[in-house]
N, C-alpha and C. Protein backbone atom coordinates (compact mmCIF):
# COMPACT_ATOMS: atom_id res chain seq x y z
N UNK A 1 -14.67 -59.13 -42.84
CA UNK A 1 -14.31 -57.60 -42.99
C UNK A 1 -12.86 -57.73 -42.68
N UNK A 2 -11.85 -56.88 -43.47
CA UNK A 2 -10.51 -56.67 -43.17
C UNK A 2 -10.37 -55.39 -42.51
N UNK A 3 -9.59 -55.43 -41.43
CA UNK A 3 -9.51 -54.26 -40.81
C UNK A 3 -8.71 -53.13 -41.23
N UNK A 4 -8.02 -53.40 -42.28
CA UNK A 4 -7.25 -52.46 -42.99
C UNK A 4 -8.06 -51.47 -43.95
N UNK A 5 -9.22 -51.89 -44.19
CA UNK A 5 -10.24 -51.19 -44.95
C UNK A 5 -10.76 -50.01 -44.15
N UNK A 6 -11.12 -48.87 -44.70
CA UNK A 6 -11.68 -47.60 -43.95
C UNK A 6 -12.86 -48.23 -43.39
N UNK A 7 -12.94 -47.98 -42.09
CA UNK A 7 -14.17 -48.40 -41.25
C UNK A 7 -14.15 -47.48 -40.11
N UNK A 8 -15.34 -47.59 -39.39
CA UNK A 8 -15.49 -46.96 -38.19
C UNK A 8 -15.96 -47.85 -37.17
N UNK A 9 -15.24 -48.03 -36.09
CA UNK A 9 -15.47 -48.91 -34.94
C UNK A 9 -16.03 -48.02 -33.91
N UNK A 10 -17.43 -48.27 -33.54
CA UNK A 10 -18.09 -47.42 -32.54
C UNK A 10 -18.31 -48.34 -31.33
N UNK A 11 -17.48 -47.79 -29.95
CA UNK A 11 -17.86 -48.51 -28.83
C UNK A 11 -18.91 -47.91 -27.85
N UNK A 12 -19.95 -48.52 -27.68
CA UNK A 12 -20.96 -47.74 -26.87
C UNK A 12 -21.38 -48.79 -25.57
N UNK A 13 -21.85 -48.31 -24.69
CA UNK A 13 -22.09 -48.99 -23.56
C UNK A 13 -22.43 -48.05 -22.46
N UNK A 14 -22.92 -48.60 -21.34
CA UNK A 14 -23.08 -47.83 -19.88
C UNK A 14 -21.65 -47.54 -19.45
N UNK A 15 -21.71 -46.56 -18.66
CA UNK A 15 -20.41 -46.20 -17.72
C UNK A 15 -19.79 -47.33 -17.11
N UNK A 16 -18.67 -47.27 -16.94
CA UNK A 16 -17.71 -48.31 -16.52
C UNK A 16 -17.94 -49.62 -17.15
N UNK A 17 -18.07 -49.75 -18.48
CA UNK A 17 -18.07 -50.99 -19.17
C UNK A 17 -16.77 -51.24 -19.78
N UNK A 18 -15.84 -50.32 -19.89
CA UNK A 18 -14.42 -50.42 -20.47
C UNK A 18 -14.33 -49.70 -21.88
N UNK A 19 -15.24 -49.02 -22.32
CA UNK A 19 -15.32 -48.28 -23.51
C UNK A 19 -13.82 -47.52 -23.79
N UNK A 20 -13.47 -46.61 -22.97
CA UNK A 20 -12.33 -45.87 -23.17
C UNK A 20 -11.12 -46.74 -23.33
N UNK A 21 -10.91 -47.53 -22.36
CA UNK A 21 -9.69 -48.34 -22.17
C UNK A 21 -9.57 -49.16 -23.47
N UNK A 22 -10.70 -49.93 -23.95
CA UNK A 22 -10.69 -50.81 -24.90
C UNK A 22 -10.36 -49.92 -26.15
N UNK A 23 -11.01 -48.72 -26.30
CA UNK A 23 -10.83 -47.87 -27.49
C UNK A 23 -9.41 -47.54 -27.72
N UNK A 24 -8.75 -47.20 -26.55
CA UNK A 24 -7.37 -46.81 -26.61
C UNK A 24 -6.46 -47.81 -26.87
N UNK A 25 -6.65 -49.14 -26.39
CA UNK A 25 -5.90 -50.28 -26.65
C UNK A 25 -6.04 -50.70 -28.20
N UNK A 26 -7.27 -50.73 -28.60
CA UNK A 26 -7.65 -50.92 -30.01
C UNK A 26 -6.87 -50.16 -30.91
N UNK A 27 -6.77 -48.78 -30.63
CA UNK A 27 -6.02 -48.02 -31.44
C UNK A 27 -4.61 -48.16 -31.51
N UNK A 28 -3.97 -48.60 -30.24
CA UNK A 28 -2.62 -49.12 -30.15
C UNK A 28 -2.31 -50.24 -31.14
N UNK A 29 -3.38 -51.05 -31.08
CA UNK A 29 -3.13 -52.37 -31.84
C UNK A 29 -3.23 -52.18 -33.41
N UNK A 30 -4.42 -51.32 -33.69
CA UNK A 30 -4.93 -51.40 -35.05
C UNK A 30 -4.42 -50.06 -35.81
N UNK A 31 -3.87 -49.19 -34.98
CA UNK A 31 -3.65 -47.66 -35.63
C UNK A 31 -4.91 -46.95 -35.81
N UNK A 32 -5.18 -46.13 -36.79
CA UNK A 32 -6.30 -45.18 -37.02
C UNK A 32 -6.33 -44.06 -36.06
N UNK A 33 -7.50 -43.34 -36.05
CA UNK A 33 -7.75 -42.20 -35.19
C UNK A 33 -8.69 -42.55 -34.18
N UNK A 34 -8.54 -41.99 -33.14
CA UNK A 34 -9.53 -42.07 -31.83
C UNK A 34 -10.37 -40.93 -31.35
N UNK A 35 -11.58 -41.16 -31.09
CA UNK A 35 -12.25 -40.06 -30.47
C UNK A 35 -12.88 -40.74 -29.19
N UNK A 36 -12.68 -40.07 -28.06
CA UNK A 36 -13.20 -40.60 -26.68
C UNK A 36 -14.26 -39.48 -26.30
N UNK A 37 -15.66 -39.75 -26.65
CA UNK A 37 -16.59 -38.72 -26.36
C UNK A 37 -16.69 -38.36 -24.97
N UNK A 38 -16.54 -39.30 -23.92
CA UNK A 38 -16.44 -39.09 -22.55
C UNK A 38 -15.50 -37.97 -22.22
N UNK A 39 -14.34 -37.97 -22.72
CA UNK A 39 -13.15 -37.09 -22.53
C UNK A 39 -13.63 -35.74 -23.22
N UNK A 40 -14.36 -35.65 -24.30
CA UNK A 40 -14.76 -34.40 -24.70
C UNK A 40 -15.69 -33.70 -23.91
N UNK A 41 -16.63 -34.51 -23.39
CA UNK A 41 -17.60 -33.96 -22.37
C UNK A 41 -16.99 -33.35 -21.12
N UNK A 42 -16.01 -34.13 -20.79
CA UNK A 42 -15.13 -33.51 -19.66
C UNK A 42 -14.44 -32.46 -19.89
N UNK A 43 -13.94 -32.35 -21.16
CA UNK A 43 -13.18 -31.12 -21.45
C UNK A 43 -14.06 -29.85 -21.77
N UNK A 44 -15.26 -29.96 -22.26
CA UNK A 44 -16.18 -28.80 -22.41
C UNK A 44 -16.51 -28.38 -20.91
N UNK A 45 -16.84 -29.49 -19.96
CA UNK A 45 -17.19 -29.02 -18.55
C UNK A 45 -16.00 -28.11 -17.87
N UNK A 46 -14.73 -28.81 -18.06
CA UNK A 46 -13.65 -28.10 -17.63
C UNK A 46 -13.46 -26.72 -18.04
N UNK A 47 -13.84 -26.49 -19.31
CA UNK A 47 -13.76 -25.14 -19.92
C UNK A 47 -14.53 -24.21 -19.40
N UNK A 48 -15.77 -24.75 -18.85
CA UNK A 48 -16.87 -23.90 -18.26
C UNK A 48 -16.77 -23.87 -16.86
N UNK A 49 -15.77 -24.63 -16.34
CA UNK A 49 -15.50 -24.69 -14.90
C UNK A 49 -16.85 -25.28 -14.17
N UNK A 50 -17.47 -26.22 -14.68
CA UNK A 50 -18.69 -26.95 -14.14
C UNK A 50 -18.31 -28.51 -14.10
N UNK A 51 -19.29 -29.12 -13.44
CA UNK A 51 -19.30 -30.52 -13.32
C UNK A 51 -19.93 -31.00 -14.67
N UNK A 52 -19.31 -32.11 -15.35
CA UNK A 52 -19.98 -32.63 -16.49
C UNK A 52 -21.57 -32.81 -16.42
N UNK A 53 -22.02 -33.06 -15.23
CA UNK A 53 -23.50 -33.27 -14.88
C UNK A 53 -24.26 -31.98 -15.22
N UNK A 54 -23.51 -30.83 -15.14
CA UNK A 54 -24.15 -29.60 -15.36
C UNK A 54 -24.22 -28.98 -16.76
N UNK A 55 -23.80 -29.89 -17.62
CA UNK A 55 -23.65 -29.30 -18.97
C UNK A 55 -25.13 -29.26 -19.58
N UNK A 56 -25.44 -28.49 -20.35
CA UNK A 56 -26.87 -28.21 -20.92
C UNK A 56 -27.03 -29.35 -22.09
N UNK A 57 -28.16 -29.29 -22.52
CA UNK A 57 -28.68 -30.17 -23.64
C UNK A 57 -27.97 -29.40 -24.82
N UNK A 58 -27.77 -28.12 -24.97
CA UNK A 58 -27.16 -27.50 -26.18
C UNK A 58 -25.79 -28.03 -26.32
N UNK A 59 -25.00 -28.01 -25.00
CA UNK A 59 -23.61 -28.42 -25.02
C UNK A 59 -23.41 -29.99 -25.43
N UNK A 60 -24.47 -30.79 -25.06
CA UNK A 60 -24.39 -32.15 -25.40
C UNK A 60 -24.67 -32.23 -26.86
N UNK A 61 -25.58 -31.43 -27.34
CA UNK A 61 -25.94 -31.55 -28.75
C UNK A 61 -24.74 -31.05 -29.72
N UNK A 62 -24.04 -30.14 -29.17
CA UNK A 62 -22.96 -29.53 -29.83
C UNK A 62 -21.89 -30.80 -30.04
N UNK A 63 -21.41 -31.30 -28.90
CA UNK A 63 -20.60 -32.64 -28.68
C UNK A 63 -20.95 -33.63 -29.85
N UNK A 64 -22.34 -33.86 -29.93
CA UNK A 64 -22.80 -35.01 -30.73
C UNK A 64 -22.52 -34.47 -32.26
N UNK A 65 -22.77 -33.18 -32.59
CA UNK A 65 -22.55 -32.57 -33.79
C UNK A 65 -21.05 -32.72 -34.21
N UNK A 66 -20.06 -32.53 -33.32
CA UNK A 66 -18.61 -32.45 -33.52
C UNK A 66 -18.28 -33.88 -33.82
N UNK A 67 -19.03 -35.10 -33.19
CA UNK A 67 -18.57 -36.44 -33.19
C UNK A 67 -19.02 -36.75 -34.50
N UNK A 68 -20.28 -36.48 -35.04
CA UNK A 68 -20.82 -36.71 -36.49
C UNK A 68 -19.86 -36.04 -37.59
N UNK A 69 -19.32 -34.71 -37.34
CA UNK A 69 -18.37 -34.19 -38.10
C UNK A 69 -17.03 -34.85 -38.17
N UNK A 70 -16.59 -35.41 -37.06
CA UNK A 70 -15.40 -35.94 -36.89
C UNK A 70 -15.41 -37.44 -37.69
N UNK A 71 -16.51 -38.16 -37.74
CA UNK A 71 -16.53 -39.41 -38.50
C UNK A 71 -16.70 -38.87 -40.03
N UNK A 72 -17.41 -37.91 -40.42
CA UNK A 72 -17.83 -37.38 -41.72
C UNK A 72 -16.29 -37.00 -42.41
N UNK A 73 -15.48 -36.13 -41.72
CA UNK A 73 -14.31 -35.46 -42.32
C UNK A 73 -13.16 -36.33 -42.33
N UNK A 74 -13.20 -37.53 -42.06
CA UNK A 74 -11.99 -38.50 -41.82
C UNK A 74 -11.94 -39.66 -42.71
N UNK A 75 -10.96 -40.15 -43.08
CA UNK A 75 -10.99 -41.37 -43.80
C UNK A 75 -10.14 -42.41 -43.14
N UNK A 76 -9.99 -43.57 -43.48
CA UNK A 76 -9.43 -44.64 -42.75
C UNK A 76 -9.89 -45.26 -41.51
N UNK A 77 -9.24 -45.88 -40.72
CA UNK A 77 -9.80 -46.62 -39.67
C UNK A 77 -9.97 -45.35 -38.50
N UNK A 78 -11.35 -45.44 -38.06
CA UNK A 78 -11.58 -44.53 -36.98
C UNK A 78 -12.15 -45.52 -35.70
N UNK A 79 -11.92 -45.07 -34.62
CA UNK A 79 -12.30 -45.73 -33.59
C UNK A 79 -12.98 -44.58 -32.59
N UNK A 80 -14.21 -44.69 -32.10
CA UNK A 80 -14.94 -43.84 -31.28
C UNK A 80 -15.57 -44.38 -30.26
N UNK A 81 -15.68 -43.93 -29.09
CA UNK A 81 -16.25 -44.48 -28.01
C UNK A 81 -17.16 -43.42 -27.21
N UNK A 82 -18.38 -43.95 -26.86
CA UNK A 82 -19.26 -42.92 -26.16
C UNK A 82 -20.47 -43.65 -25.70
N UNK A 83 -21.18 -43.04 -24.66
CA UNK A 83 -22.31 -43.87 -24.34
C UNK A 83 -23.64 -43.88 -25.03
N UNK A 84 -23.68 -42.83 -25.75
CA UNK A 84 -24.92 -42.55 -26.80
C UNK A 84 -24.57 -42.93 -28.13
N UNK A 85 -23.47 -43.50 -28.44
CA UNK A 85 -23.30 -43.55 -29.94
C UNK A 85 -24.30 -44.50 -30.67
N UNK A 86 -25.13 -45.13 -30.08
CA UNK A 86 -26.17 -45.96 -30.86
C UNK A 86 -27.20 -45.04 -31.35
N UNK A 87 -27.18 -43.91 -30.85
CA UNK A 87 -28.17 -42.83 -31.18
C UNK A 87 -27.43 -41.83 -32.16
N UNK A 88 -26.32 -41.27 -31.65
CA UNK A 88 -25.59 -40.17 -32.26
C UNK A 88 -25.04 -40.75 -33.59
N UNK A 89 -24.68 -41.89 -33.74
CA UNK A 89 -24.21 -42.37 -35.10
C UNK A 89 -25.29 -43.57 -35.85
N UNK A 90 -26.50 -43.43 -35.43
CA UNK A 90 -27.33 -44.34 -36.13
C UNK A 90 -27.57 -44.48 -37.42
N UNK A 91 -27.43 -43.30 -38.06
CA UNK A 91 -27.53 -43.18 -39.44
C UNK A 91 -26.12 -43.20 -40.24
N UNK A 92 -25.12 -43.55 -39.60
CA UNK A 92 -23.85 -43.84 -40.14
C UNK A 92 -23.30 -45.36 -40.22
N UNK A 93 -22.61 -45.56 -41.26
CA UNK A 93 -21.92 -46.98 -41.49
C UNK A 93 -20.82 -47.28 -40.54
N UNK A 94 -21.39 -47.74 -39.40
CA UNK A 94 -20.45 -48.12 -38.30
C UNK A 94 -20.47 -49.59 -37.95
N UNK A 95 -19.31 -50.03 -37.25
CA UNK A 95 -19.56 -51.37 -36.59
C UNK A 95 -19.92 -50.87 -35.17
N UNK A 96 -21.16 -51.03 -34.83
CA UNK A 96 -21.46 -50.74 -33.49
C UNK A 96 -21.39 -51.80 -32.49
N UNK A 97 -20.44 -51.65 -31.52
CA UNK A 97 -20.27 -52.91 -30.51
C UNK A 97 -20.41 -52.12 -29.24
N UNK A 98 -21.51 -53.03 -28.47
CA UNK A 98 -21.91 -52.49 -27.14
C UNK A 98 -21.05 -53.28 -26.16
N UNK A 99 -20.52 -52.68 -25.37
CA UNK A 99 -19.77 -53.15 -24.15
C UNK A 99 -20.68 -53.30 -22.80
N UNK A 100 -20.71 -54.62 -22.34
CA UNK A 100 -21.50 -54.84 -21.26
C UNK A 100 -20.56 -55.10 -19.94
N UNK A 101 -21.17 -54.94 -18.70
CA UNK A 101 -20.52 -55.68 -17.62
C UNK A 101 -21.56 -55.50 -16.48
N UNK A 102 -21.37 -56.73 -15.68
CA UNK A 102 -22.35 -56.83 -14.64
C UNK A 102 -22.27 -55.56 -13.56
N UNK A 103 -23.41 -55.38 -12.89
CA UNK A 103 -23.20 -54.14 -12.05
C UNK A 103 -22.10 -54.31 -10.75
N UNK A 104 -21.93 -55.49 -10.44
CA UNK A 104 -20.70 -55.47 -9.51
C UNK A 104 -19.32 -55.06 -9.93
N UNK A 105 -19.17 -55.68 -11.31
CA UNK A 105 -17.81 -55.20 -11.75
C UNK A 105 -17.73 -53.71 -12.38
N UNK A 106 -19.01 -53.25 -12.83
CA UNK A 106 -19.09 -51.94 -12.86
C UNK A 106 -18.81 -50.82 -11.60
N UNK A 107 -19.36 -51.28 -10.62
CA UNK A 107 -19.16 -50.66 -9.31
C UNK A 107 -17.73 -50.69 -8.84
N UNK A 108 -17.04 -51.86 -9.16
CA UNK A 108 -15.70 -51.87 -8.73
C UNK A 108 -14.84 -51.03 -9.56
N UNK A 109 -15.24 -51.01 -10.67
CA UNK A 109 -14.35 -50.00 -11.91
C UNK A 109 -14.66 -48.72 -11.50
N UNK A 110 -15.83 -48.26 -10.99
CA UNK A 110 -16.18 -46.70 -10.53
C UNK A 110 -15.41 -46.56 -9.48
N UNK A 111 -15.34 -47.43 -8.51
CA UNK A 111 -14.52 -47.27 -7.25
C UNK A 111 -13.11 -46.82 -7.55
N UNK A 112 -12.55 -47.81 -8.48
CA UNK A 112 -11.23 -47.66 -8.96
C UNK A 112 -10.90 -46.17 -9.48
N UNK A 113 -12.01 -45.82 -10.44
CA UNK A 113 -11.77 -44.36 -10.97
C UNK A 113 -11.97 -43.37 -10.01
N UNK A 114 -12.84 -43.46 -8.95
CA UNK A 114 -13.16 -42.18 -8.28
C UNK A 114 -12.54 -42.24 -6.87
N UNK A 115 -12.04 -43.45 -6.52
CA UNK A 115 -11.44 -43.60 -5.16
C UNK A 115 -12.60 -44.22 -4.24
N UNK A 116 -13.77 -44.23 -4.53
CA UNK A 116 -14.71 -44.93 -3.73
C UNK A 116 -16.07 -44.79 -4.58
N UNK A 117 -16.95 -45.83 -4.30
CA UNK A 117 -18.20 -46.03 -4.96
C UNK A 117 -18.99 -47.13 -4.45
N UNK A 118 -20.17 -46.96 -4.45
CA UNK A 118 -20.99 -48.04 -4.07
C UNK A 118 -22.21 -48.41 -4.98
N UNK A 119 -23.11 -49.39 -4.60
CA UNK A 119 -24.26 -49.64 -5.81
C UNK A 119 -24.99 -48.39 -5.94
N UNK A 120 -25.22 -47.52 -4.79
CA UNK A 120 -25.93 -46.43 -4.99
C UNK A 120 -25.26 -45.26 -6.00
N UNK A 121 -23.98 -45.27 -6.05
CA UNK A 121 -23.47 -44.26 -7.07
C UNK A 121 -23.61 -44.78 -8.34
N UNK A 122 -23.58 -46.05 -8.67
CA UNK A 122 -23.84 -46.84 -9.92
C UNK A 122 -25.29 -46.51 -10.43
N UNK A 123 -26.31 -46.78 -9.47
CA UNK A 123 -27.55 -46.42 -9.72
C UNK A 123 -27.81 -44.99 -10.02
N UNK A 124 -27.35 -44.12 -9.37
CA UNK A 124 -27.22 -42.68 -9.56
C UNK A 124 -26.63 -42.39 -11.03
N UNK A 125 -25.60 -42.93 -11.26
CA UNK A 125 -25.19 -42.79 -12.73
C UNK A 125 -25.98 -43.29 -13.89
N UNK A 126 -26.59 -44.34 -13.61
CA UNK A 126 -27.37 -44.96 -14.77
C UNK A 126 -28.62 -44.15 -15.07
N UNK A 127 -29.20 -43.75 -13.80
CA UNK A 127 -30.50 -42.85 -13.72
C UNK A 127 -30.10 -41.69 -14.41
N UNK A 128 -29.06 -40.96 -14.10
CA UNK A 128 -28.79 -39.74 -14.70
C UNK A 128 -28.50 -39.94 -16.32
N UNK A 129 -27.68 -40.99 -16.70
CA UNK A 129 -27.67 -41.09 -18.19
C UNK A 129 -28.92 -41.44 -18.78
N UNK A 130 -29.87 -42.25 -18.32
CA UNK A 130 -31.15 -42.46 -18.80
C UNK A 130 -32.00 -41.38 -19.04
N UNK A 131 -31.89 -40.31 -18.08
CA UNK A 131 -32.62 -39.06 -18.21
C UNK A 131 -31.99 -38.21 -19.19
N UNK A 132 -30.72 -38.08 -19.36
CA UNK A 132 -30.16 -37.43 -20.26
C UNK A 132 -30.48 -37.92 -21.81
N UNK A 133 -30.35 -39.40 -21.89
CA UNK A 133 -30.69 -39.91 -23.21
C UNK A 133 -32.14 -39.52 -23.65
N UNK A 134 -33.03 -39.63 -22.66
CA UNK A 134 -34.58 -39.23 -22.97
C UNK A 134 -34.51 -37.80 -23.36
N UNK A 135 -33.92 -36.96 -22.61
CA UNK A 135 -33.93 -35.52 -22.83
C UNK A 135 -33.34 -35.11 -24.39
N UNK A 136 -32.11 -35.90 -24.57
CA UNK A 136 -31.56 -35.49 -25.90
C UNK A 136 -32.10 -36.10 -27.05
N UNK A 137 -32.54 -37.45 -26.84
CA UNK A 137 -32.73 -38.35 -28.08
C UNK A 137 -34.23 -38.55 -28.16
N UNK A 138 -34.74 -38.94 -26.96
CA UNK A 138 -36.30 -39.28 -26.86
C UNK A 138 -36.61 -40.89 -27.44
N UNK A 139 -35.64 -41.17 -28.55
CA UNK A 139 -36.04 -42.41 -29.09
C UNK A 139 -34.78 -43.48 -28.90
N UNK A 140 -35.05 -44.70 -28.94
CA UNK A 140 -33.97 -45.78 -28.81
C UNK A 140 -33.04 -45.66 -30.04
N UNK A 141 -31.90 -46.01 -29.71
CA UNK A 141 -30.80 -46.13 -30.83
C UNK A 141 -30.91 -47.39 -31.58
N UNK A 142 -30.02 -47.58 -32.53
CA UNK A 142 -30.13 -48.59 -33.39
C UNK A 142 -29.46 -49.82 -32.45
N UNK A 143 -29.93 -51.03 -32.88
CA UNK A 143 -29.24 -52.21 -32.17
C UNK A 143 -27.69 -52.42 -32.61
N UNK A 144 -26.93 -53.01 -31.65
CA UNK A 144 -25.58 -52.99 -31.90
C UNK A 144 -25.44 -54.21 -32.81
N UNK A 145 -24.29 -54.02 -33.59
CA UNK A 145 -23.86 -55.31 -34.50
C UNK A 145 -23.33 -56.34 -33.73
N UNK A 146 -22.65 -56.05 -32.57
CA UNK A 146 -22.16 -57.00 -31.47
C UNK A 146 -22.32 -56.67 -30.15
N UNK A 147 -22.32 -57.51 -29.29
CA UNK A 147 -22.13 -57.12 -27.65
C UNK A 147 -21.13 -58.12 -27.29
N UNK A 148 -20.32 -57.32 -26.41
CA UNK A 148 -19.22 -58.32 -25.69
C UNK A 148 -19.30 -57.87 -24.27
N UNK A 149 -19.41 -59.08 -23.43
CA UNK A 149 -19.18 -58.77 -21.93
C UNK A 149 -17.93 -58.63 -21.52
N UNK A 150 -17.64 -57.52 -20.71
CA UNK A 150 -16.11 -57.24 -20.18
C UNK A 150 -16.07 -57.71 -18.74
N UNK A 151 -17.20 -58.26 -18.21
CA UNK A 151 -17.08 -58.47 -16.79
C UNK A 151 -15.93 -59.18 -16.09
N UNK A 152 -15.62 -60.39 -16.80
CA UNK A 152 -14.59 -61.18 -16.06
C UNK A 152 -13.57 -61.32 -17.15
N UNK A 153 -13.00 -60.26 -17.91
CA UNK A 153 -12.19 -60.31 -18.85
C UNK A 153 -11.35 -58.98 -18.86
N UNK A 154 -10.03 -59.35 -19.09
CA UNK A 154 -9.07 -58.17 -19.09
C UNK A 154 -9.21 -57.41 -20.39
N UNK A 155 -8.67 -56.28 -20.08
CA UNK A 155 -8.79 -55.22 -21.23
C UNK A 155 -8.13 -55.86 -22.69
N UNK A 156 -7.07 -56.58 -22.46
CA UNK A 156 -6.32 -57.26 -23.68
C UNK A 156 -7.27 -58.16 -24.07
N UNK A 157 -7.85 -58.98 -23.28
CA UNK A 157 -8.90 -60.07 -23.84
C UNK A 157 -9.98 -59.39 -24.52
N UNK A 158 -10.50 -58.30 -23.87
CA UNK A 158 -11.80 -57.75 -24.79
C UNK A 158 -11.12 -57.19 -26.13
N UNK A 159 -10.02 -56.50 -26.10
CA UNK A 159 -9.56 -56.02 -27.52
C UNK A 159 -9.33 -57.25 -28.46
N UNK A 160 -8.90 -58.23 -27.85
CA UNK A 160 -8.57 -59.49 -28.94
C UNK A 160 -9.98 -59.97 -29.23
N UNK A 161 -11.04 -60.08 -28.39
CA UNK A 161 -12.51 -60.49 -28.75
C UNK A 161 -13.00 -59.50 -29.74
N UNK A 162 -12.94 -58.07 -29.55
CA UNK A 162 -13.44 -57.11 -30.44
C UNK A 162 -12.73 -57.51 -31.88
N UNK A 163 -11.43 -57.51 -32.05
CA UNK A 163 -10.82 -57.81 -33.26
C UNK A 163 -11.30 -59.17 -33.78
N UNK A 164 -11.42 -60.08 -33.04
CA UNK A 164 -11.96 -61.50 -33.82
C UNK A 164 -13.26 -61.33 -34.23
N UNK A 165 -14.00 -60.65 -33.35
CA UNK A 165 -15.49 -60.40 -33.96
C UNK A 165 -15.65 -59.63 -35.12
N UNK A 166 -14.53 -58.69 -35.46
CA UNK A 166 -14.84 -57.72 -36.58
C UNK A 166 -14.47 -58.55 -37.77
N UNK A 167 -13.32 -59.34 -37.46
CA UNK A 167 -12.72 -60.01 -38.58
C UNK A 167 -13.78 -61.26 -39.21
N UNK A 168 -14.70 -61.56 -38.09
CA UNK A 168 -15.78 -62.53 -38.70
C UNK A 168 -16.83 -61.98 -39.31
N UNK A 169 -17.11 -60.71 -39.15
CA UNK A 169 -18.11 -59.81 -39.73
C UNK A 169 -18.03 -59.85 -41.19
């Protein structure tokens, strides 16, 4: 695959695996348009003056519909990141890349983001995401085209791995 072709790179994975940072760096390196679904979720919650965890199923479905329209209405290189893209974009022609990280690294990243975190916070987040996935979709998503472990790797190294992986595809 040549990255100059029209393509959609979809980064998915659990919370604190590096999706947003990798997506932003990919856009800086490759160009194209970027959509960060987690930022959209936070934006909708801010507009309603509620915690993102309090968003309704309808709110999440509307964000999913926006994401699908965003992909459909654009051309050229698109980079999109989100926890549930394996389901949201399962019927679309995308390069689906799952980012992974071990729980210790994810907890470290969560603590950096929130100012504090422990294993219980990560377990609670994963449980909340699993319940939301079940409520929204009920079925598993499509298998990723690629999986990349971000645990002991810098963002720059992960971006280089993503680009190299896509070029080999």
